[in-house]
């Protein structure tokens, strides 16, 4: 099995939370939520589409194992599972890894759209989109204007 260079290969096995013949898993060092785990191919390939079918199946099996362990340990209400393939998709480490991200009730105001939020304005296609100004009233202003007044008072000494 030829190995290229990858920061993921520097993660010691003592930090792994699961492994099999073709993949290993460890907690993300920059977690989106508690339990956020990366499942990584042992062979350095850039993305899912470069992996062999055996590697893909092993990664899927390990994702199931990680989910079962997270269910027991943290009891999340849901999951986002996915990968980025290529720089244009946001991939920063060019070594196949799949994110297993536990989701919890209330971790965001409206989670509808899930993975569609990779392009924020396209995330929740069910959301009622309203313009900032409605009939001359700006619902955003009621949140921002008091902050601006407070900041101006602090700098001018007004109260």
C-alpha atoms as a PDB file:
ATOM      1  CA  UNK A   1       0.000   0.000   0.000  1.00  0.00           C
ATOM      2  CA  UNK A   2       1.769   3.148  -1.127  1.00  0.00           C
ATOM      3  CA  UNK A   3       1.455   6.138   1.167  1.00  0.00           C
ATOM      4  CA  UNK A   4       1.704   9.750   0.114  1.00  0.00           C
ATOM      5  CA  UNK A   5       2.020  12.696   2.438  1.00  0.00           C
ATOM      6  CA  UNK A   6      -0.987  13.711   4.527  1.00  0.00           C
ATOM      7  CA  UNK A   7      -1.542  15.488   7.819  1.00  0.00           C
ATOM      8  CA  UNK A   8      -4.062  12.767   8.664  1.00  0.00           C
ATOM      9  CA  UNK A   9      -1.310  10.148   8.689  1.00  0.00           C
ATOM     10  CA  UNK A  10       0.267  12.077  11.569  1.00  0.00           C
ATOM     11  CA  UNK A  11      -2.713  11.347  13.845  1.00  0.00           C
ATOM     12  CA  UNK A  12      -1.487   8.671  16.267  1.00  0.00           C
ATOM     13  CA  UNK A  13      -3.468   5.440  16.468  1.00  0.00           C
ATOM     14  CA  UNK A  14      -4.039   6.191  20.161  1.00  0.00           C
ATOM     15  CA  UNK A  15      -6.382   9.008  19.027  1.00  0.00           C
ATOM     16  CA  UNK A  16      -8.369   6.792  16.679  1.00  0.00           C
ATOM     17  CA  UNK A  17     -11.953   6.040  17.704  1.00  0.00           C
ATOM     18  CA  UNK A  18     -12.333   3.288  15.124  1.00  0.00           C
ATOM     19  CA  UNK A  19     -10.561   1.542  12.266  1.00  0.00           C
ATOM     20  CA  UNK A  20     -10.735  -1.275   9.756  1.00  0.00           C
ATOM     21  CA  UNK A  21      -8.591  -2.595   6.921  1.00  0.00           C
ATOM     22  CA  UNK A  22      -8.992   0.464   4.684  1.00  0.00           C
ATOM     23  CA  UNK A  23      -9.932   3.341   6.992  1.00  0.00           C
ATOM     24  CA  UNK A  24      -9.548   4.909  10.419  1.00  0.00           C
ATOM     25  CA  UNK A  25     -11.513   7.502  12.356  1.00  0.00           C
ATOM     26  CA  UNK A  26     -10.689  10.220  14.868  1.00  0.00           C
ATOM     27  CA  UNK A  27     -12.419  13.244  16.382  1.00  0.00           C
ATOM     28  CA  UNK A  28     -12.110  16.378  14.263  1.00  0.00           C
ATOM     29  CA  UNK A  29      -9.697  18.889  15.774  1.00  0.00           C
ATOM     30  CA  UNK A  30     -11.989  21.749  14.696  1.00  0.00           C
ATOM     31  CA  UNK A  31     -15.396  20.233  15.484  1.00  0.00           C
ATOM     32  CA  UNK A  32     -18.649  21.665  14.232  1.00  0.00           C
ATOM     33  CA  UNK A  33     -20.411  19.919  17.108  1.00  0.00           C
ATOM     34  CA  UNK A  34     -19.531  17.566  19.971  1.00  0.00           C
ATOM     35  CA  UNK A  35     -18.489  14.203  18.533  1.00  0.00           C
ATOM     36  CA  UNK A  36     -17.632  15.503  15.030  1.00  0.00           C
ATOM     37  CA  UNK A  37     -15.528  12.675  13.606  1.00  0.00           C
ATOM     38  CA  UNK A  38     -13.463  12.201  10.457  1.00  0.00           C
ATOM     39  CA  UNK A  39     -13.342   8.838   8.704  1.00  0.00           C
ATOM     40  CA  UNK A  40     -10.169   8.730   6.603  1.00  0.00           C
ATOM     41  CA  UNK A  41      -8.875   6.309   3.995  1.00  0.00           C
ATOM     42  CA  UNK A  42      -5.614   4.611   5.000  1.00  0.00           C
ATOM     43  CA  UNK A  43      -4.336   4.987   1.460  1.00  0.00           C
ATOM     44  CA  UNK A  44      -3.751   8.597   0.464  1.00  0.00           C
ATOM     45  CA  UNK A  45      -6.166   9.334  -2.362  1.00  0.00           C
ATOM     46  CA  UNK A  46      -7.525  12.815  -2.958  1.00  0.00           C
ATOM     47  CA  UNK A  47     -11.253  12.124  -2.756  1.00  0.00           C
ATOM     48  CA  UNK A  48     -14.138   9.647  -2.739  1.00  0.00           C
ATOM     49  CA  UNK A  49     -14.060   9.290  -6.503  1.00  0.00           C
ATOM     50  CA  UNK A  50     -10.398   8.226  -6.471  1.00  0.00           C
ATOM     51  CA  UNK A  51     -10.958   5.495  -3.882  1.00  0.00           C
ATOM     52  CA  UNK A  52     -11.426   1.845  -4.769  1.00  0.00           C
ATOM     53  CA  UNK A  53     -14.808   0.207  -4.215  1.00  0.00           C
ATOM     54  CA  UNK A  54     -13.269  -1.772  -1.320  1.00  0.00           C
ATOM     55  CA  UNK A  55     -12.095   1.479   0.288  1.00  0.00           C
ATOM     56  CA  UNK A  56     -15.499   3.094  -0.197  1.00  0.00           C
ATOM     57  CA  UNK A  57     -17.273   0.108   1.362  1.00  0.00           C
ATOM     58  CA  UNK A  58     -14.840   0.069   4.294  1.00  0.00           C
ATOM     59  CA  UNK A  59     -15.420   3.783   4.881  1.00  0.00           C
ATOM     60  CA  UNK A  60     -19.199   3.280   4.807  1.00  0.00           C
ATOM     61  CA  UNK A  61     -18.900   0.414   7.305  1.00  0.00           C
ATOM     62  CA  UNK A  62     -16.766   2.562   9.614  1.00  0.00           C
ATOM     63  CA  UNK A  63     -19.282   5.427   9.354  1.00  0.00           C
ATOM     64  CA  UNK A  64     -21.931   2.994  10.649  1.00  0.00           C
ATOM     65  CA  UNK A  65     -19.650   1.966  13.537  1.00  0.00           C
ATOM     66  CA  UNK A  66     -18.908   5.605  14.442  1.00  0.00           C
ATOM     67  CA  UNK A  67     -22.605   6.501  14.335  1.00  0.00           C
ATOM     68  CA  UNK A  68     -23.474   3.613  16.666  1.00  0.00           C
ATOM     69  CA  UNK A  69     -20.766   4.689  19.121  1.00  0.00           C
ATOM     70  CA  UNK A  70     -21.892   8.341  19.003  1.00  0.00           C
ATOM     71  CA  UNK A  71     -25.505   7.261  19.542  1.00  0.00           C
ATOM     72  CA  UNK A  72     -24.477   5.437  22.714  1.00  0.00           C
ATOM     73  CA  UNK A  73     -22.097   8.146  23.950  1.00  0.00           C
ATOM     74  CA  UNK A  74     -23.761  11.450  23.020  1.00  0.00           C
ATOM     75  CA  UNK A  75     -27.286  10.609  21.825  1.00  0.00           C
ATOM     76  CA  UNK A  76     -27.507  13.188  19.036  1.00  0.00           C
ATOM     77  CA  UNK A  77     -30.856  13.901  17.399  1.00  0.00           C
ATOM     78  CA  UNK A  78     -29.497  13.564  13.847  1.00  0.00           C
ATOM     79  CA  UNK A  79     -26.421  13.562  11.626  1.00  0.00           C
ATOM     80  CA  UNK A  80     -24.862  15.269   8.651  1.00  0.00           C
ATOM     81  CA  UNK A  81     -22.455  12.945   6.829  1.00  0.00           C
ATOM     82  CA  UNK A  82     -20.462  14.048   3.824  1.00  0.00           C
ATOM     83  CA  UNK A  83     -17.248  14.859   2.055  1.00  0.00           C
ATOM     84  CA  UNK A  84     -15.793  17.657  -0.021  1.00  0.00           C
ATOM     85  CA  UNK A  85     -14.250  16.646  -3.354  1.00  0.00           C
ATOM     86  CA  UNK A  86     -11.906  19.259  -4.784  1.00  0.00           C
ATOM     87  CA  UNK A  87     -10.859  22.763  -3.834  1.00  0.00           C
ATOM     88  CA  UNK A  88     -13.943  24.313  -5.465  1.00  0.00           C
ATOM     89  CA  UNK A  89     -16.050  22.223  -3.069  1.00  0.00           C
ATOM     90  CA  UNK A  90     -14.080  23.463  -0.062  1.00  0.00           C
ATOM     91  CA  UNK A  91     -11.667  20.554   0.355  1.00  0.00           C
ATOM     92  CA  UNK A  92      -8.521  21.750   2.132  1.00  0.00           C
ATOM     93  CA  UNK A  93      -6.789  18.439   2.888  1.00  0.00           C
ATOM     94  CA  UNK A  94      -6.391  16.433  -0.310  1.00  0.00           C
ATOM     95  CA  UNK A  95      -6.769  13.076   1.412  1.00  0.00           C
ATOM     96  CA  UNK A  96     -10.157  11.359   1.353  1.00  0.00           C
ATOM     97  CA  UNK A  97     -12.051  11.982   4.575  1.00  0.00           C
ATOM     98  CA  UNK A  98     -15.732  11.840   5.411  1.00  0.00           C
ATOM     99  CA  UNK A  99     -17.235  14.072   8.092  1.00  0.00           C
ATOM    100  CA  UNK A 100     -19.663  12.468  10.533  1.00  0.00           C
ATOM    101  CA  UNK A 101     -21.280  15.433  12.262  1.00  0.00           C
ATOM    102  CA  UNK A 102     -23.733  14.763  15.094  1.00  0.00           C
ATOM    103  CA  UNK A 103     -26.609  17.231  15.247  1.00  0.00           C
ATOM    104  CA  UNK A 104     -28.501  18.254  18.347  1.00  0.00           C
ATOM    105  CA  UNK A 105     -31.941  19.780  18.885  1.00  0.00           C
ATOM    106  CA  UNK A 106     -31.532  23.551  18.948  1.00  0.00           C
ATOM    107  CA  UNK A 107     -27.951  23.626  17.616  1.00  0.00           C
ATOM    108  CA  UNK A 108     -29.215  26.069  14.992  1.00  0.00           C
ATOM    109  CA  UNK A 109     -32.438  28.015  14.687  1.00  0.00           C
ATOM    110  CA  UNK A 110     -33.704  26.299  11.536  1.00  0.00           C
ATOM    111  CA  UNK A 111     -31.720  23.288  10.312  1.00  0.00           C
ATOM    112  CA  UNK A 112     -33.878  22.709   7.227  1.00  0.00           C
ATOM    113  CA  UNK A 113     -31.697  22.415   4.154  1.00  0.00           C
ATOM    114  CA  UNK A 114     -28.915  20.523   5.969  1.00  0.00           C
ATOM    115  CA  UNK A 115     -25.980  19.983   3.632  1.00  0.00           C
ATOM    116  CA  UNK A 116     -27.507  22.398   1.147  1.00  0.00           C
ATOM    117  CA  UNK A 117     -26.050  25.152   3.349  1.00  0.00           C
ATOM    118  CA  UNK A 118     -22.682  24.749   1.600  1.00  0.00           C
ATOM    119  CA  UNK A 119     -24.024  27.698  -0.401  1.00  0.00           C
ATOM    120  CA  UNK A 120     -25.723  29.659   2.407  1.00  0.00           C
ATOM    121  CA  UNK A 121     -28.312  31.480   0.305  1.00  0.00           C
ATOM    122  CA  UNK A 122     -29.439  28.142  -1.156  1.00  0.00           C
ATOM    123  CA  UNK A 123     -29.563  26.216   2.125  1.00  0.00           C
ATOM    124  CA  UNK A 124     -33.149  26.453   3.274  1.00  0.00           C
ATOM    125  CA  UNK A 125     -35.260  26.538   0.129  1.00  0.00           C
ATOM    126  CA  UNK A 126     -38.392  26.280   2.309  1.00  0.00           C
ATOM    127  CA  UNK A 127     -37.595  29.431   4.302  1.00  0.00           C
ATOM    128  CA  UNK A 128     -39.885  32.391   3.862  1.00  0.00           C
ATOM    129  CA  UNK A 129     -37.486  34.914   2.323  1.00  0.00           C
ATOM    130  CA  UNK A 130     -38.346  38.497   3.182  1.00  0.00           C
ATOM    131  CA  UNK A 131     -36.534  41.608   2.025  1.00  0.00           C
ATOM    132  CA  UNK A 132     -34.720  43.661   4.666  1.00  0.00           C
ATOM    133  CA  UNK A 133     -37.148  46.582   4.284  1.00  0.00           C
ATOM    134  CA  UNK A 134     -40.871  45.794   4.403  1.00  0.00           C
ATOM    135  CA  UNK A 135     -43.300  48.708   3.864  1.00  0.00           C
ATOM    136  CA  UNK A 136     -40.615  51.120   5.031  1.00  0.00           C
ATOM    137  CA  UNK A 137     -39.853  49.058   8.181  1.00  0.00           C
ATOM    138  CA  UNK A 138     -36.471  47.359   8.373  1.00  0.00           C
ATOM    139  CA  UNK A 139     -36.648  44.373  10.789  1.00  0.00           C
ATOM    140  CA  UNK A 140     -32.847  44.248  10.820  1.00  0.00           C
ATOM    141  CA  UNK A 141     -32.542  47.845  12.014  1.00  0.00           C
ATOM    142  CA  UNK A 142     -34.196  47.166  15.391  1.00  0.00           C
ATOM    143  CA  UNK A 143     -31.278  44.864  16.205  1.00  0.00           C
ATOM    144  CA  UNK A 144     -28.454  46.958  14.784  1.00  0.00           C
ATOM    145  CA  UNK A 145     -29.392  50.540  15.670  1.00  0.00           C
ATOM    146  CA  UNK A 146     -29.225  50.049  19.471  1.00  0.00           C
ATOM    147  CA  UNK A 147     -25.730  48.575  19.054  1.00  0.00           C
ATOM    148  CA  UNK A 148     -24.618  51.528  16.968  1.00  0.00           C
ATOM    149  CA  UNK A 149     -26.076  53.964  19.547  1.00  0.00           C
ATOM    150  CA  UNK A 150     -24.288  52.126  22.365  1.00  0.00           C
ATOM    151  CA  UNK A 151     -20.990  52.211  20.459  1.00  0.00           C
ATOM    152  CA  UNK A 152     -21.365  55.926  19.633  1.00  0.00           C
ATOM    153  CA  UNK A 153     -22.148  56.706  23.312  1.00  0.00           C
ATOM    154  CA  UNK A 154     -19.051  54.856  24.437  1.00  0.00           C
ATOM    155  CA  UNK A 155     -16.814  56.861  22.089  1.00  0.00           C
ATOM    156  CA  UNK A 156     -18.419  60.277  22.641  1.00  0.00           C
ATOM    157  CA  UNK A 157     -19.156  59.983  26.351  1.00  0.00           C
ATOM    158  CA  UNK A 158     -22.915  60.449  25.763  1.00  0.00           C
ATOM    159  CA  UNK A 159     -25.416  58.382  27.710  1.00  0.00           C
END
